[in-house]
PDB file of all heavy atoms in Angstrom:
ATOM      1  N   LEU A   1      93.406 -74.370  30.072  1.00  0.00           N
ATOM      2  CA  LEU A   1      93.902 -75.732  29.704  1.00  0.00           C
ATOM      3  C   LEU A   1      94.762 -76.284  30.787  1.00  0.00           C
ATOM      4  O   LEU A   1      94.653 -77.450  31.119  1.00  0.00           O
ATOM      5  CB  LEU A   1      94.670 -75.734  28.370  1.00  0.00           C
ATOM      6  CG  LEU A   1      93.871 -75.573  27.114  1.00  0.00           C
ATOM      7  CD1 LEU A   1      94.851 -75.534  25.903  1.00  0.00           C
ATOM      8  CD2 LEU A   1      92.862 -76.656  26.917  1.00  0.00           C
ATOM      9  N   TYR A   2      95.616 -75.475  31.354  1.00  0.00           N
ATOM     10  CA  TYR A   2      96.554 -75.925  32.363  1.00  0.00           C
ATOM     11  C   TYR A   2      95.859 -76.141  33.707  1.00  0.00           C
ATOM     12  O   TYR A   2      96.078 -77.158  34.372  1.00  0.00           O
ATOM     13  CB  TYR A   2      97.648 -74.872  32.565  1.00  0.00           C
ATOM     14  CG  TYR A   2      98.852 -75.370  33.371  1.00  0.00           C
ATOM     15  CD1 TYR A   2      99.854 -76.144  32.722  1.00  0.00           C
ATOM     16  CD2 TYR A   2      98.998 -75.101  34.724  1.00  0.00           C
ATOM     17  CE1 TYR A   2     100.968 -76.588  33.479  1.00  0.00           C
ATOM     18  CE2 TYR A   2     100.098 -75.550  35.462  1.00  0.00           C
ATOM     19  CZ  TYR A   2     101.048 -76.307  34.808  1.00  0.00           C
ATOM     20  OH  TYR A   2     102.117 -76.798  35.533  1.00  0.00           O
ATOM     21  N   ASP A   3      94.971 -75.216  34.089  1.00  0.00           N
ATOM     22  CA  ASP A   3      94.291 -75.317  35.420  1.00  0.00           C
ATOM     23  C   ASP A   3      93.082 -76.185  35.432  1.00  0.00           C
ATOM     24  O   ASP A   3      92.812 -76.796  36.465  1.00  0.00           O
ATOM     25  CB  ASP A   3      93.850 -73.868  35.806  1.00  0.00           C
ATOM     26  CG  ASP A   3      95.040 -72.980  36.257  1.00  0.00           C
ATOM     27  OD1 ASP A   3      96.116 -73.521  36.509  1.00  0.00           O
ATOM     28  OD2 ASP A   3      94.836 -71.789  36.326  1.00  0.00           O
ATOM     29  N   ARG A   4      92.368 -76.280  34.291  1.00  0.00           N
ATOM     30  CA  ARG A   4      91.122 -77.137  34.271  1.00  0.00           C
ATOM     31  C   ARG A   4      91.076 -77.966  33.005  1.00  0.00           C
ATOM     32  O   ARG A   4      90.200 -77.724  32.143  1.00  0.00           O
ATOM     33  CB  ARG A   4      89.924 -76.271  34.419  1.00  0.00           C
ATOM     34  CG  ARG A   4      89.742 -75.622  35.795  1.00  0.00           C
ATOM     35  CD  ARG A   4      88.386 -75.034  36.004  1.00  0.00           C
ATOM     36  NE  ARG A   4      87.282 -75.973  35.935  1.00  0.00           N
ATOM     37  CZ  ARG A   4      86.929 -76.782  36.939  1.00  0.00           C
ATOM     38  NH1 ARG A   4      87.566 -76.799  38.048  1.00  0.00           N
ATOM     39  NH2 ARG A   4      85.880 -77.644  36.759  1.00  0.00           N
ATOM     40  N   PRO A   5      91.995 -78.934  32.833  1.00  0.00           N
ATOM     41  CA  PRO A   5      91.903 -79.777  31.637  1.00  0.00           C
ATOM     42  C   PRO A   5      90.590 -80.572  31.619  1.00  0.00           C
ATOM     43  O   PRO A   5      90.115 -81.034  32.682  1.00  0.00           O
ATOM     44  CB  PRO A   5      93.065 -80.704  31.785  1.00  0.00           C
ATOM     45  CG  PRO A   5      93.479 -80.690  33.258  1.00  0.00           C
ATOM     46  CD  PRO A   5      93.085 -79.300  33.715  1.00  0.00           C
ATOM     47  N   ALA A   6      90.005 -80.692  30.470  1.00  0.00           N
ATOM     48  CA  ALA A   6      88.658 -81.328  30.331  1.00  0.00           C
ATOM     49  C   ALA A   6      88.722 -82.824  30.487  1.00  0.00           C
ATOM     50  O   ALA A   6      87.699 -83.431  30.832  1.00  0.00           O
ATOM     51  CB  ALA A   6      87.968 -80.995  29.015  1.00  0.00           C
ATOM     52  N   ASN A   7      89.828 -83.452  30.233  1.00  0.00           N
ATOM     53  CA  ASN A   7      89.917 -84.901  30.327  1.00  0.00           C
ATOM     54  C   ASN A   7      91.359 -85.341  30.596  1.00  0.00           C
ATOM     55  O   ASN A   7      92.302 -84.495  30.637  1.00  0.00           O
ATOM     56  CB  ASN A   7      89.331 -85.588  29.118  1.00  0.00           C
ATOM     57  CG  ASN A   7      90.031 -85.103  27.819  1.00  0.00           C
ATOM     58  OD1 ASN A   7      91.188 -84.972  27.790  1.00  0.00           O
ATOM     59  ND2 ASN A   7      89.222 -84.918  26.797  1.00  0.00           N
ATOM     60  N   VAL A   8      91.562 -86.602  30.783  1.00  0.00           N
ATOM     61  CA  VAL A   8      92.869 -87.168  31.072  1.00  0.00           C
ATOM     62  C   VAL A   8      93.894 -86.886  30.008  1.00  0.00           C
ATOM     63  O   VAL A   8      95.065 -86.590  30.247  1.00  0.00           O
ATOM     64  CB  VAL A   8      92.769 -88.701  31.349  1.00  0.00           C
ATOM     65  CG1 VAL A   8      94.137 -89.384  31.367  1.00  0.00           C
ATOM     66  CG2 VAL A   8      92.055 -88.953  32.709  1.00  0.00           C
ATOM     67  N   PHE A   9      93.452 -86.965  28.742  1.00  0.00           N
ATOM     68  CA  PHE A   9      94.391 -86.755  27.619  1.00  0.00           C
ATOM     69  C   PHE A   9      94.943 -85.302  27.724  1.00  0.00           C
ATOM     70  O   PHE A   9      96.180 -85.145  27.610  1.00  0.00           O
ATOM     71  CB  PHE A   9      93.739 -86.975  26.293  1.00  0.00           C
ATOM     72  CG  PHE A   9      94.635 -86.637  25.152  1.00  0.00           C
ATOM     73  CD1 PHE A   9      95.679 -87.549  24.766  1.00  0.00           C
ATOM     74  CD2 PHE A   9      94.563 -85.474  24.446  1.00  0.00           C
ATOM     75  CE1 PHE A   9      96.564 -87.187  23.752  1.00  0.00           C
ATOM     76  CE2 PHE A   9      95.431 -85.109  23.434  1.00  0.00           C
ATOM     77  CZ  PHE A   9      96.435 -86.025  23.103  1.00  0.00           C
ATOM     78  N   VAL A  10      94.069 -84.367  27.807  1.00  0.00           N
ATOM     79  CA  VAL A  10      94.534 -82.969  27.870  1.00  0.00           C
ATOM     80  C   VAL A  10      95.421 -82.713  29.128  1.00  0.00           C
ATOM     81  O   VAL A  10      96.468 -82.064  29.062  1.00  0.00           O
ATOM     82  CB  VAL A  10      93.339 -81.966  27.882  1.00  0.00           C
ATOM     83  CG1 VAL A  10      93.827 -80.524  27.999  1.00  0.00           C
ATOM     84  CG2 VAL A  10      92.549 -82.122  26.602  1.00  0.00           C
ATOM     85  N   ALA A  11      94.986 -83.309  30.201  1.00  0.00           N
ATOM     86  CA  ALA A  11      95.781 -83.162  31.463  1.00  0.00           C
ATOM     87  C   ALA A  11      97.235 -83.723  31.285  1.00  0.00           C
ATOM     88  O   ALA A  11      98.173 -83.083  31.779  1.00  0.00           O
ATOM     89  CB  ALA A  11      95.081 -83.938  32.596  1.00  0.00           C
ATOM     90  N   GLY A  12      97.357 -84.831  30.629  1.00  0.00           N
ATOM     91  CA  GLY A  12      98.666 -85.414  30.444  1.00  0.00           C
ATOM     92  C   GLY A  12      99.473 -84.814  29.349  1.00  0.00           C
ATOM     93  O   GLY A  12     100.731 -84.840  29.325  1.00  0.00           O
ATOM     94  N   PHE A  13      98.783 -84.154  28.377  1.00  0.00           N
ATOM     95  CA  PHE A  13      99.494 -83.555  27.205  1.00  0.00           C
ATOM     96  C   PHE A  13      99.989 -82.189  27.507  1.00  0.00           C
ATOM     97  O   PHE A  13     101.095 -81.807  27.092  1.00  0.00           O
ATOM     98  CB  PHE A  13      98.580 -83.572  26.028  1.00  0.00           C
ATOM     99  CG  PHE A  13      99.285 -83.204  24.722  1.00  0.00           C
ATOM    100  CD1 PHE A  13     100.000 -84.156  24.052  1.00  0.00           C
ATOM    101  CD2 PHE A  13      99.267 -81.916  24.234  1.00  0.00           C
ATOM    102  CE1 PHE A  13     100.709 -83.810  22.845  1.00  0.00           C
ATOM    103  CE2 PHE A  13      99.927 -81.559  23.054  1.00  0.00           C
ATOM    104  CZ  PHE A  13     100.676 -82.521  22.403  1.00  0.00           C
ATOM    105  N   ILE A  14      99.181 -81.406  28.230  1.00  0.00           N
ATOM    106  CA  ILE A  14      99.565 -80.004  28.515  1.00  0.00           C
ATOM    107  C   ILE A  14     100.376 -79.890  29.797  1.00  0.00           C
ATOM    108  O   ILE A  14      99.911 -80.316  30.858  1.00  0.00           O
ATOM    109  CB  ILE A  14      98.310 -79.103  28.591  1.00  0.00           C
ATOM    110  CG1 ILE A  14      97.548 -79.131  27.276  1.00  0.00           C
ATOM    111  CG2 ILE A  14      98.686 -77.719  29.027  1.00  0.00           C
ATOM    112  CD1 ILE A  14      98.276 -78.471  26.142  1.00  0.00           C
ATOM    113  N   GLY A  15     101.522 -79.346  29.725  1.00  0.00           N
ATOM    114  CA  GLY A  15     102.371 -79.156  30.919  1.00  0.00           C
ATOM    115  C   GLY A  15     103.698 -79.911  30.712  1.00  0.00           C
ATOM    116  O   GLY A  15     103.725 -80.989  30.195  1.00  0.00           O
ATOM    117  N   SER A  16     104.779 -79.286  31.236  1.00  0.00           N
ATOM    118  CA  SER A  16     106.057 -79.900  31.077  1.00  0.00           C
ATOM    119  C   SER A  16     106.925 -79.586  32.378  1.00  0.00           C
ATOM    120  O   SER A  16     107.160 -78.422  32.637  1.00  0.00           O
ATOM    121  CB  SER A  16     106.812 -79.368  29.857  1.00  0.00           C
ATOM    122  OG  SER A  16     108.124 -79.959  29.725  1.00  0.00           O
ATOM    123  N   PRO A  17     107.249 -80.627  33.140  1.00  0.00           N
ATOM    124  CA  PRO A  17     106.910 -82.025  33.002  1.00  0.00           C
ATOM    125  C   PRO A  17     105.407 -82.326  33.066  1.00  0.00           C
ATOM    126  O   PRO A  17     104.679 -81.436  33.588  1.00  0.00           O
ATOM    127  CB  PRO A  17     107.643 -82.738  34.171  1.00  0.00           C
ATOM    128  CG  PRO A  17     108.663 -81.767  34.619  1.00  0.00           C
ATOM    129  CD  PRO A  17     108.140 -80.396  34.334  1.00  0.00           C
ATOM    130  N   ALA A  18     105.019 -83.482  32.633  1.00  0.00           N
ATOM    131  CA  ALA A  18     103.574 -83.800  32.493  1.00  0.00           C
ATOM    132  C   ALA A  18     102.967 -83.915  33.892  1.00  0.00           C
ATOM    133  O   ALA A  18     103.667 -84.214  34.907  1.00  0.00           O
ATOM    134  CB  ALA A  18     103.409 -85.077  31.727  1.00  0.00           C
ATOM    135  N   MET A  19     101.638 -83.795  33.902  1.00  0.00           N
ATOM    136  CA  MET A  19     100.876 -84.012  35.165  1.00  0.00           C
ATOM    137  C   MET A  19     101.031 -85.436  35.569  1.00  0.00           C
ATOM    138  O   MET A  19     101.043 -86.360  34.761  1.00  0.00           O
ATOM    139  CB  MET A  19      99.380 -83.621  34.929  1.00  0.00           C
ATOM    140  CG  MET A  19      98.522 -83.860  36.119  1.00  0.00           C
ATOM    141  SD  MET A  19      96.761 -83.641  35.819  1.00  0.00           S
ATOM    142  CE  MET A  19      96.625 -81.868  35.684  1.00  0.00           C
ATOM    143  N   ASN A  20     101.116 -85.694  36.871  1.00  0.00           N
ATOM    144  CA  ASN A  20     101.084 -87.039  37.443  1.00  0.00           C
ATOM    145  C   ASN A  20      99.637 -87.549  37.361  1.00  0.00           C
ATOM    146  O   ASN A  20      98.721 -86.873  37.799  1.00  0.00           O
ATOM    147  CB  ASN A  20     101.532 -87.069  38.888  1.00  0.00           C
ATOM    148  CG  ASN A  20     102.948 -86.556  39.088  1.00  0.00           C
ATOM    149  OD1 ASN A  20     103.909 -87.294  38.709  1.00  0.00           O
ATOM    150  ND2 ASN A  20     103.127 -85.369  39.570  1.00  0.00           N
ATOM    151  N   LEU A  21      99.421 -88.701  36.781  1.00  0.00           N
ATOM    152  CA  LEU A  21      98.086 -89.296  36.659  1.00  0.00           C
ATOM    153  C   LEU A  21      98.123 -90.752  37.158  1.00  0.00           C
ATOM    154  O   LEU A  21      98.944 -91.531  36.673  1.00  0.00           O
ATOM    155  CB  LEU A  21      97.623 -89.231  35.198  1.00  0.00           C
ATOM    156  CG  LEU A  21      97.369 -87.892  34.619  1.00  0.00           C
ATOM    157  CD1 LEU A  21      97.293 -87.933  33.103  1.00  0.00           C
ATOM    158  CD2 LEU A  21      96.023 -87.307  35.158  1.00  0.00           C
ATOM    159  N   ARG A  22      97.235 -91.037  38.147  1.00  0.00           N
ATOM    160  CA  ARG A  22      97.199 -92.446  38.666  1.00  0.00           C
ATOM    161  C   ARG A  22      95.736 -92.838  38.924  1.00  0.00           C
ATOM    162  O   ARG A  22      94.924 -91.996  39.414  1.00  0.00           O
ATOM    163  CB  ARG A  22      97.943 -92.519  39.995  1.00  0.00           C
ATOM    164  CG  ARG A  22      99.475 -92.344  39.843  1.00  0.00           C
ATOM    165  CD  ARG A  22     100.181 -92.826  41.064  1.00  0.00           C
ATOM    166  NE  ARG A  22     100.036 -94.273  41.248  1.00  0.00           N
ATOM    167  CZ  ARG A  22     100.738 -95.211  40.622  1.00  0.00           C
ATOM    168  NH1 ARG A  22     101.638 -94.825  39.712  1.00  0.00           N
ATOM    169  NH2 ARG A  22     100.623 -96.500  40.844  1.00  0.00           N
ATOM    170  N   THR A  23      95.389 -94.003  38.515  1.00  0.00           N
ATOM    171  CA  THR A  23      94.059 -94.557  38.800  1.00  0.00           C
ATOM    172  C   THR A  23      94.138 -95.198  40.156  1.00  0.00           C
ATOM    173  O   THR A  23      94.972 -96.107  40.386  1.00  0.00           O
ATOM    174  CB  THR A  23      93.610 -95.550  37.720  1.00  0.00           C
ATOM    175  OG1 THR A  23      93.545 -94.899  36.438  1.00  0.00           O
ATOM    176  CG2 THR A  23      92.218 -96.130  38.044  1.00  0.00           C
ATOM    177  N   VAL A  24      93.290 -94.750  41.062  1.00  0.00           N
ATOM    178  CA  VAL A  24      93.402 -95.189  42.464  1.00  0.00           C
ATOM    179  C   VAL A  24      92.037 -95.553  42.982  1.00  0.00           C
ATOM    180  O   VAL A  24      90.962 -95.177  42.451  1.00  0.00           O
ATOM    181  CB  VAL A  24      93.961 -94.020  43.351  1.00  0.00           C
ATOM    182  CG1 VAL A  24      95.393 -93.671  42.958  1.00  0.00           C
ATOM    183  CG2 VAL A  24      93.060 -92.799  43.257  1.00  0.00           C
ATOM    184  N   LYS A  25      91.995 -96.372  44.064  1.00  0.00           N
ATOM    185  CA  LYS A  25      90.795 -96.736  44.783  1.00  0.00           C
ATOM    186  C   LYS A  25      90.277 -95.624  45.661  1.00  0.00           C
ATOM    187  O   LYS A  25      91.097 -94.806  46.142  1.00  0.00           O
ATOM    188  CB  LYS A  25      91.069 -97.987  45.630  1.00  0.00           C
ATOM    189  CG  LYS A  25      91.320 -99.256  44.835  1.00  0.00           C
ATOM    190  CD  LYS A  25      90.099 -99.683  44.085  1.00  0.00           C
ATOM    191  CE  LYS A  25      90.366-101.026  43.361  1.00  0.00           C
ATOM    192  NZ  LYS A  25      89.120-101.432  42.585  1.00  0.00           N
ATOM    193  N   VAL A  26      89.009 -95.533  45.823  1.00  0.00           N
ATOM    194  CA  VAL A  26      88.363 -94.509  46.663  1.00  0.00           C
ATOM    195  C   VAL A  26      87.603 -95.188  47.779  1.00  0.00           C
ATOM    196  O   VAL A  26      86.837 -96.103  47.539  1.00  0.00           O
ATOM    197  CB  VAL A  26      87.424 -93.620  45.878  1.00  0.00           C
ATOM    198  CG1 VAL A  26      86.756 -92.582  46.747  1.00  0.00           C
ATOM    199  CG2 VAL A  26      88.196 -92.932  44.759  1.00  0.00           C
ATOM    200  N   ALA A  27      87.797 -94.706  49.001  1.00  0.00           N
ATOM    201  CA  ALA A  27      87.084 -95.255  50.153  1.00  0.00           C
ATOM    202  C   ALA A  27      87.069 -94.228  51.251  1.00  0.00           C
ATOM    203  O   ALA A  27      88.065 -93.481  51.501  1.00  0.00           O
ATOM    204  CB  ALA A  27      87.696 -96.526  50.703  1.00  0.00           C
ATOM    205  N   ASP A  28      85.936 -94.079  51.985  1.00  0.00           N
ATOM    206  CA  ASP A  28      85.781 -93.170  53.090  1.00  0.00           C
ATOM    207  C   ASP A  28      86.170 -91.761  52.733  1.00  0.00           C
ATOM    208  O   ASP A  28      86.842 -91.048  53.503  1.00  0.00           O
ATOM    209  CB  ASP A  28      86.621 -93.654  54.264  1.00  0.00           C
ATOM    210  CG  ASP A  28      86.221 -95.020  54.795  1.00  0.00           C
ATOM    211  OD1 ASP A  28      84.991 -95.353  54.747  1.00  0.00           O
ATOM    212  OD2 ASP A  28      87.110 -95.875  55.177  1.00  0.00           O
ATOM    213  N   GLY A  29      85.780 -91.331  51.508  1.00  0.00           N
ATOM    214  CA  GLY A  29      85.975 -89.929  51.174  1.00  0.00           C
ATOM    215  C   GLY A  29      87.414 -89.561  50.800  1.00  0.00           C
ATOM    216  O   GLY A  29      87.799 -88.397  50.726  1.00  0.00           O
ATOM    217  N   GLY A  30      88.252 -90.599  50.567  1.00  0.00           N
ATOM    218  CA  GLY A  30      89.659 -90.344  50.236  1.00  0.00           C
ATOM    219  C   GLY A  30      90.150 -91.296  49.139  1.00  0.00           C
ATOM    220  O   GLY A  30      89.565 -92.370  48.879  1.00  0.00           O
ATOM    221  N   ALA A  31      91.258 -90.937  48.536  1.00  0.00           N
ATOM    222  CA  ALA A  31      91.877 -91.819  47.515  1.00  0.00           C
ATOM    223  C   ALA A  31      93.154 -92.414  48.141  1.00  0.00           C
ATOM    224  O   ALA A  31      93.812 -91.781  48.971  1.00  0.00           O
ATOM    225  CB  ALA A  31      92.260 -91.000  46.292  1.00  0.00           C
ATOM    226  N   GLU A  32      93.434 -93.653  47.739  1.00  0.00           N
ATOM    227  CA  GLU A  32      94.608 -94.331  48.318  1.00  0.00           C
ATOM    228  C   GLU A  32      95.753 -94.311  47.375  1.00  0.00           C
ATOM    229  O   GLU A  32      95.678 -94.803  46.251  1.00  0.00           O
ATOM    230  CB  GLU A  32      94.237 -95.768  48.685  1.00  0.00           C
ATOM    231  CG  GLU A  32      95.349 -96.485  49.439  1.00  0.00           C
ATOM    232  CD  GLU A  32      95.018 -97.946  49.698  1.00  0.00           C
ATOM    233  OE1 GLU A  32      93.890 -98.209  50.156  1.00  0.00           O
ATOM    234  OE2 GLU A  32      95.884 -98.798  49.453  1.00  0.00           O
ATOM    235  N   ILE A  33      96.884 -93.750  47.789  1.00  0.00           N
ATOM    236  CA  ILE A  33      98.169 -93.753  47.061  1.00  0.00           C
ATOM    237  C   ILE A  33      99.221 -94.381  47.987  1.00  0.00           C
ATOM    238  O   ILE A  33      99.539 -93.808  49.059  1.00  0.00           O
ATOM    239  CB  ILE A  33      98.590 -92.352  46.624  1.00  0.00           C
ATOM    240  CG1 ILE A  33      97.533 -91.678  45.721  1.00  0.00           C
ATOM    241  CG2 ILE A  33      99.893 -92.419  45.906  1.00  0.00           C
ATOM    242  CD1 ILE A  33      97.877 -90.310  45.222  1.00  0.00           C
ATOM    243  N   ALA A  34      99.765 -95.528  47.556  1.00  0.00           N
ATOM    244  CA  ALA A  34     100.847 -96.193  48.257  1.00  0.00           C
ATOM    245  C   ALA A  34     100.492 -96.385  49.751  1.00  0.00           C
ATOM    246  O   ALA A  34     101.317 -96.115  50.640  1.00  0.00           O
ATOM    247  CB  ALA A  34     102.147 -95.442  48.123  1.00  0.00           C
TER     248      ALA A  34
END
């Protein structure tokens, strides 16, 4: 559950502090953060 959560809900629910989750744009094989 911790290493391979099946979806966003499980990912955010399991773990303390919670997993960081961000919806980001994808371009040229990479994701853009800030």
